[in-house]
Amino acid sequence: MSAVKTRTMSTIKDIVRPYVSMFRIQFIGQLQYRAAAWAGISTQFFFGFVFVMMYSAFYGGEAVVVGVPSLQMIISYQWLKQAFLMMVVLWSQDSDLLNQIVSGHVAYSLCRPVDLYSLWASRLFANRVARCALRFAPVLILAFLLPAPYGMIPPPNFGSGLLFIVSLLLGSLVAVGMSMFVYVLTFVTMSREGARLLIGASADFATGLIIPIPLMPDWLQRALALTPFPYVADLPFRIYAGDIAGAAAGAAMGVQAFWVITLGITGWLAFRAVLRRTVVQGG
């Protein structure tokens, strides 16, 4: 029995090793772009201040307005968005993979004895985590140092902070699942920008990155709750702020996990379908 278990574990390690290696290589490679990260940090500082000032004016100096979330929650929401932007945006795609599809160089990747969908998904997730790792700390430090009501507040308790981290990782996996459809559509349309712009522009609104979902009309919140979009960024940020807590947070994270699995399966099937129809010309 022990020998069978050992062989099973060895087989599992052999299966996942290429994807773990891809994650590690891509993660380390992205950490080299420190100058780009500092440029991104300054940009995110700027837009963070713009959004904070805008919502402060919207609330008219009142910390609480009847019928809408508190100003402090919305401001924390905005700083979290800036700090963890690269984990949750859908317009940030891997241009090298898009170029491989359009140029036909994807043929080399198809020769590898691995599942290409899983390999690319590992690469996308590594890109997101690495880019965020270079940027989030300076943004959060500044946000915590700002005076009230313009700065962030800590989560209401340790449990909310821990659930936020788990939910953020799940949300990033949901974003990866949706991003993979950009590459599926690129195989069909042979356009580098069409699918990226279409999905990215709509996702910025639907995920709450333009207008926080709690500030949207109730009917629109209910409609978006039927889609994976709110589970990318809105859910983790609201868990951090304590707006969703306890059993409600656990149930919402269960829906997050559902979308990770559903998008992964449907994306893998769609990817396999377009690969069967792929024709690479030239020599």
Protein backbone atom coordinates (compact mmCIF):
# COMPACT_ATOMS: atom_id res chain seq x y z
CA MET A 1 0.00 0.00 0.00
CA SER A 2 2.86 2.33 0.89
CA ALA A 3 4.59 1.60 -2.44
CA VAL A 4 1.40 2.43 -4.37
CA LYS A 5 1.02 5.70 -2.47
CA THR A 6 4.67 6.58 -3.16
CA ARG A 7 4.28 5.89 -6.89
CA THR A 8 1.08 7.95 -6.98
CA MET A 9 2.75 10.92 -5.30
CA SER A 10 5.71 10.63 -7.67
CA THR A 11 3.37 10.60 -10.67
CA ILE A 12 1.52 13.68 -9.42
CA LYS A 13 4.83 15.52 -8.93
CA ASP A 14 5.93 14.62 -12.47
CA ILE A 15 2.64 15.93 -13.86
CA VAL A 16 2.68 19.27 -12.07
CA ARG A 17 6.45 19.89 -12.27
CA PRO A 18 6.40 21.65 -15.71
CA TYR A 19 3.69 24.07 -14.58
CA VAL A 20 5.37 24.83 -11.26
CA SER A 21 8.64 25.38 -13.13
CA MET A 22 6.94 27.74 -15.56
CA PHE A 23 5.47 29.70 -12.64
CA ARG A 24 8.86 29.96 -10.94
CA ILE A 25 10.77 30.96 -14.09
CA GLN A 26 8.21 33.58 -15.10
CA PHE A 27 7.96 34.94 -11.55
CA ILE A 28 11.72 35.40 -11.27
CA GLY A 29 11.89 36.91 -14.76
CA GLN A 30 9.24 39.51 -13.97
CA LEU A 31 11.05 40.61 -10.82
CA GLN A 32 13.83 42.02 -13.01
CA TYR A 33 11.64 44.85 -14.30
CA ARG A 34 12.12 47.15 -11.30
CA ALA A 35 12.22 50.40 -13.27
CA ALA A 36 8.86 49.58 -14.86
CA ALA A 37 7.52 48.76 -11.41
CA TRP A 38 8.56 52.14 -10.01
CA ALA A 39 6.91 53.86 -12.98
CA GLY A 40 3.77 51.85 -12.27
CA ILE A 41 3.89 52.77 -8.57
CA SER A 42 4.00 56.49 -9.33
CA THR A 43 1.08 56.09 -11.73
CA GLN A 44 -0.94 54.19 -9.14
CA PHE A 45 -0.18 56.84 -6.50
CA PHE A 46 -1.52 59.49 -8.84
CA PHE A 47 -4.72 57.66 -9.71
CA GLY A 48 -5.19 56.65 -6.08
CA PHE A 49 -5.18 60.31 -5.04
CA VAL A 50 -7.52 61.21 -7.91
CA PHE A 51 -10.10 58.61 -6.92
CA VAL A 52 -9.83 59.40 -3.20
CA MET A 53 -10.38 63.11 -3.85
CA MET A 54 -13.25 62.35 -6.20
CA TYR A 55 -15.13 60.18 -3.69
CA SER A 56 -14.40 62.61 -0.87
CA ALA A 57 -16.09 65.31 -2.94
CA PHE A 58 -18.94 62.91 -3.77
CA TYR A 59 -19.60 62.35 -0.08
CA GLY A 60 -19.42 66.10 0.53
CA GLY A 61 -17.19 65.74 3.58
CA GLU A 62 -19.65 63.42 5.34
CA ALA A 63 -18.18 60.15 6.62
CA VAL A 64 -21.56 58.43 6.36
CA VAL A 65 -24.28 59.00 3.76
CA VAL A 66 -27.55 57.15 4.16
CA GLY A 67 -27.99 54.28 1.71
CA VAL A 68 -24.37 53.99 0.57
CA PRO A 69 -21.20 52.46 2.08
CA SER A 70 -19.08 54.62 4.37
CA LEU A 71 -16.49 56.97 2.90
CA GLN A 72 -13.70 55.18 4.77
CA MET A 73 -14.68 51.85 3.23
CA ILE A 74 -14.71 53.31 -0.28
CA ILE A 75 -11.32 54.97 0.25
CA SER A 76 -9.80 51.71 1.52
CA TYR A 77 -11.40 50.04 -1.52
CA GLN A 78 -9.61 52.52 -3.80
CA TRP A 79 -6.18 52.06 -2.20
CA LEU A 80 -6.55 48.28 -2.31
CA LYS A 81 -7.39 48.59 -6.00
CA GLN A 82 -4.19 50.55 -6.63
CA ALA A 83 -2.01 48.29 -4.49
CA PHE A 84 -3.21 45.02 -6.01
CA LEU A 85 -4.16 46.29 -9.47
CA MET A 86 -1.91 43.88 -11.35
CA MET A 87 -3.54 40.91 -9.62
CA VAL A 88 -7.06 41.73 -10.78
CA VAL A 89 -7.07 43.70 -14.06
CA LEU A 90 -8.01 41.86 -17.25
CA TRP A 91 -6.44 44.28 -19.71
CA SER A 92 -2.95 43.21 -18.62
CA GLN A 93 -2.08 40.32 -20.93
CA ASP A 94 1.13 38.58 -22.00
CA SER A 95 2.01 40.18 -25.34
CA ASP A 96 4.54 37.46 -26.09
CA LEU A 97 1.84 34.79 -26.05
CA LEU A 98 -0.41 36.90 -28.28
CA ASN A 99 2.47 37.37 -30.72
CA GLN A 100 3.13 33.62 -30.73
CA ILE A 101 -0.44 32.97 -31.82
CA VAL A 102 -0.52 35.59 -34.58
CA SER A 103 2.98 34.87 -35.92
CA GLY A 104 2.59 31.08 -35.88
CA HIS A 105 5.44 30.54 -33.42
CA VAL A 106 2.91 28.82 -31.18
CA ALA A 107 3.77 25.71 -33.25
CA TYR A 108 6.94 25.30 -31.17
CA SER A 109 4.90 25.30 -27.97
CA LEU A 110 2.52 22.72 -29.41
CA CYS A 111 5.44 20.32 -29.77
CA ARG A 112 6.03 20.26 -26.03
CA PRO A 113 4.69 17.23 -24.11
CA VAL A 114 2.62 19.38 -21.76
CA ASP A 115 -0.88 20.77 -21.62
CA LEU A 116 -0.50 24.19 -23.26
CA TYR A 117 -3.56 25.69 -21.54
CA SER A 118 -2.22 24.85 -18.08
CA LEU A 119 1.27 26.03 -19.02
CA TRP A 120 0.02 29.41 -20.21
CA ALA A 121 -2.32 29.79 -17.22
CA SER A 122 0.65 29.18 -14.89
CA ARG A 123 2.60 31.83 -16.78
CA LEU A 124 -0.23 34.37 -16.52
CA PHE A 125 -0.67 33.77 -12.80
CA ALA A 126 3.08 34.18 -12.23
CA ASN A 127 3.03 37.47 -14.16
CA ARG A 128 0.24 38.81 -11.96
CA VAL A 129 1.80 37.78 -8.67
CA ALA A 130 5.28 39.06 -9.59
CA ARG A 131 4.09 42.44 -10.87
CA CYS A 132 1.98 42.90 -7.77
CA ALA A 133 4.86 41.85 -5.48
CA LEU A 134 6.97 44.71 -6.85
CA ARG A 135 4.31 47.36 -6.35
CA PHE A 136 1.89 46.73 -3.52
CA ALA A 137 4.05 47.52 -0.47
CA PRO A 138 4.92 51.19 -1.29
CA VAL A 139 1.29 51.94 -2.16
CA LEU A 140 -0.02 50.40 1.07
CA ILE A 141 2.63 52.12 3.23
CA LEU A 142 1.71 55.53 1.83
CA ALA A 143 -2.02 54.80 2.12
CA PHE A 144 -1.68 53.89 5.81
CA LEU A 145 0.40 57.02 6.53
CA LEU A 146 -2.18 59.41 5.08
CA PRO A 147 -4.44 61.18 7.58
CA ALA A 148 -8.12 60.30 7.91
CA PRO A 149 -10.27 60.12 5.93
CA TYR A 150 -7.83 59.90 3.01
CA GLY A 151 -5.83 56.94 4.22
CA MET A 152 -6.54 53.25 4.60
CA ILE A 153 -7.70 51.59 7.77
CA PRO A 154 -6.66 48.06 8.80
CA PRO A 155 -9.15 45.18 8.49
CA PRO A 156 -11.56 44.91 11.44
CA ASN A 157 -9.91 41.72 12.69
CA PHE A 158 -7.22 39.16 11.89
CA GLY A 159 -9.76 36.77 10.33
CA SER A 160 -10.89 39.36 7.80
CA GLY A 161 -7.28 40.05 6.83
CA LEU A 162 -6.56 36.35 6.34
CA LEU A 163 -9.75 35.79 4.33
CA PHE A 164 -8.83 38.82 2.22
CA ILE A 165 -5.50 37.24 1.20
CA VAL A 166 -7.15 33.92 0.29
CA SER A 167 -9.96 35.68 -1.58
CA LEU A 168 -7.47 37.88 -3.45
CA LEU A 169 -5.60 34.81 -4.69
CA LEU A 170 -8.87 33.16 -5.74
CA GLY A 171 -9.92 36.38 -7.46
CA SER A 172 -6.66 36.46 -9.38
CA LEU A 173 -7.27 32.87 -10.51
CA VAL A 174 -10.74 33.92 -11.70
CA ALA A 175 -9.05 36.73 -13.66
CA VAL A 176 -6.60 34.22 -15.17
CA GLY A 177 -9.52 31.99 -16.21
CA MET A 178 -11.23 34.89 -17.96
CA SER A 179 -7.95 36.11 -19.46
CA MET A 180 -7.39 32.74 -21.13
CA PHE A 181 -10.44 33.43 -23.29
CA VAL A 182 -8.50 36.36 -24.78
CA TYR A 183 -6.03 33.84 -26.21
CA VAL A 184 -8.84 31.56 -27.37
CA LEU A 185 -10.43 34.46 -29.26
CA THR A 186 -7.04 35.49 -30.66
CA PHE A 187 -6.72 32.05 -32.25
CA VAL A 188 -10.09 32.69 -33.94
CA THR A 189 -9.74 36.37 -34.92
CA MET A 190 -5.93 36.55 -35.35
CA SER A 191 -6.08 40.04 -33.79
CA ARG A 192 -3.73 40.90 -30.92
CA GLU A 193 -5.84 43.76 -29.59
CA GLY A 194 -9.50 43.02 -30.38
CA ALA A 195 -10.30 40.49 -27.65
CA ARG A 196 -8.00 42.16 -25.12
CA LEU A 197 -9.65 45.56 -25.51
CA LEU A 198 -13.18 44.12 -25.57
CA ILE A 199 -12.79 41.99 -22.45
CA GLY A 200 -10.52 44.45 -20.63
CA ALA A 201 -12.77 47.49 -21.07
CA SER A 202 -15.95 45.68 -20.02
CA ALA A 203 -14.20 43.96 -17.11
CA ASP A 204 -12.92 47.22 -15.60
CA PHE A 205 -16.52 48.31 -15.10
CA ALA A 206 -18.00 44.93 -14.16
CA THR A 207 -15.32 44.12 -11.58
CA GLY A 208 -15.81 47.44 -9.77
CA LEU A 209 -12.49 48.98 -10.75
CA ILE A 210 -14.15 52.08 -12.20
CA ILE A 211 -17.15 52.43 -9.89
CA PRO A 212 -17.19 50.26 -6.73
CA ILE A 213 -19.98 47.72 -7.05
CA PRO A 214 -21.55 48.74 -3.67
CA LEU A 215 -22.26 52.17 -5.21
CA MET A 216 -24.09 50.69 -8.21
CA PRO A 217 -27.90 50.36 -8.39
CA ASP A 218 -29.32 47.28 -6.66
CA TRP A 219 -30.61 45.77 -9.91
CA LEU A 220 -27.15 46.04 -11.48
CA GLN A 221 -25.48 44.51 -8.41
CA ARG A 222 -27.87 41.55 -8.62
CA ALA A 223 -27.17 41.10 -12.33
CA LEU A 224 -23.39 41.24 -11.88
CA ALA A 225 -23.59 38.73 -9.01
CA LEU A 226 -24.59 36.11 -11.60
CA THR A 227 -21.28 36.63 -13.42
CA PRO A 228 -17.68 35.97 -12.33
CA PHE A 229 -16.72 39.66 -12.47
CA PRO A 230 -17.50 40.74 -8.86
CA TYR A 231 -15.46 37.82 -7.56
CA VAL A 232 -12.24 39.15 -9.09
CA ALA A 233 -11.69 42.35 -7.07
CA ASP A 234 -14.90 43.51 -5.40
CA LEU A 235 -15.27 40.52 -3.06
CA PRO A 236 -11.70 40.55 -1.67
CA PHE A 237 -11.78 44.32 -1.12
CA ARG A 238 -15.13 44.16 0.70
CA ILE A 239 -13.93 41.28 2.86
CA TYR A 240 -10.93 43.41 3.85
CA ALA A 241 -13.20 46.32 4.78
CA GLY A 242 -15.50 44.06 6.83
CA ASP A 243 -18.47 44.73 4.55
CA ILE A 244 -18.70 40.98 3.92
CA ALA A 245 -17.74 38.86 6.91
CA GLY A 246 -18.31 35.56 8.67
CA ALA A 247 -20.53 32.98 7.00
CA ALA A 248 -21.36 35.38 4.16
CA ALA A 249 -17.66 35.71 3.33
CA GLY A 250 -17.20 31.93 3.38
CA ALA A 251 -20.20 31.41 1.09
CA ALA A 252 -18.98 34.09 -1.32
CA MET A 253 -15.53 32.53 -1.44
CA GLY A 254 -17.19 29.21 -2.23
CA VAL A 255 -18.74 30.92 -5.28
CA GLN A 256 -15.26 32.23 -6.13
CA ALA A 257 -13.92 28.67 -6.10
CA PHE A 258 -16.85 27.62 -8.29
CA TRP A 259 -15.91 30.24 -10.89
CA VAL A 260 -12.23 29.22 -10.78
CA ILE A 261 -13.21 25.62 -11.60
CA THR A 262 -15.92 26.52 -14.11
CA LEU A 263 -13.78 28.99 -16.05
CA GLY A 264 -10.85 26.58 -15.96
CA ILE A 265 -12.87 23.69 -17.42
CA THR A 266 -14.71 25.75 -20.07
CA GLY A 267 -11.52 27.60 -21.01
CA TRP A 268 -9.59 24.33 -21.34
CA LEU A 269 -12.31 22.85 -23.56
CA ALA A 270 -12.46 25.99 -25.72
CA PHE A 271 -8.65 26.05 -25.96
CA ARG A 272 -8.56 22.42 -27.08
CA ALA A 273 -11.27 23.12 -29.65
CA VAL A 274 -9.38 26.01 -31.28
CA LEU A 275 -6.09 24.08 -31.22
CA ARG A 276 -7.70 21.27 -33.22
CA ARG A 277 -8.57 23.79 -35.93
CA THR A 278 -5.25 25.65 -35.84
CA VAL A 279 -3.29 25.73 -39.09
CA VAL A 280 0.30 27.02 -39.11
CA GLN A 281 1.71 27.88 -42.53
CA GLY A 282 5.31 28.51 -43.50
CA GLY A 283 8.62 26.79 -42.89
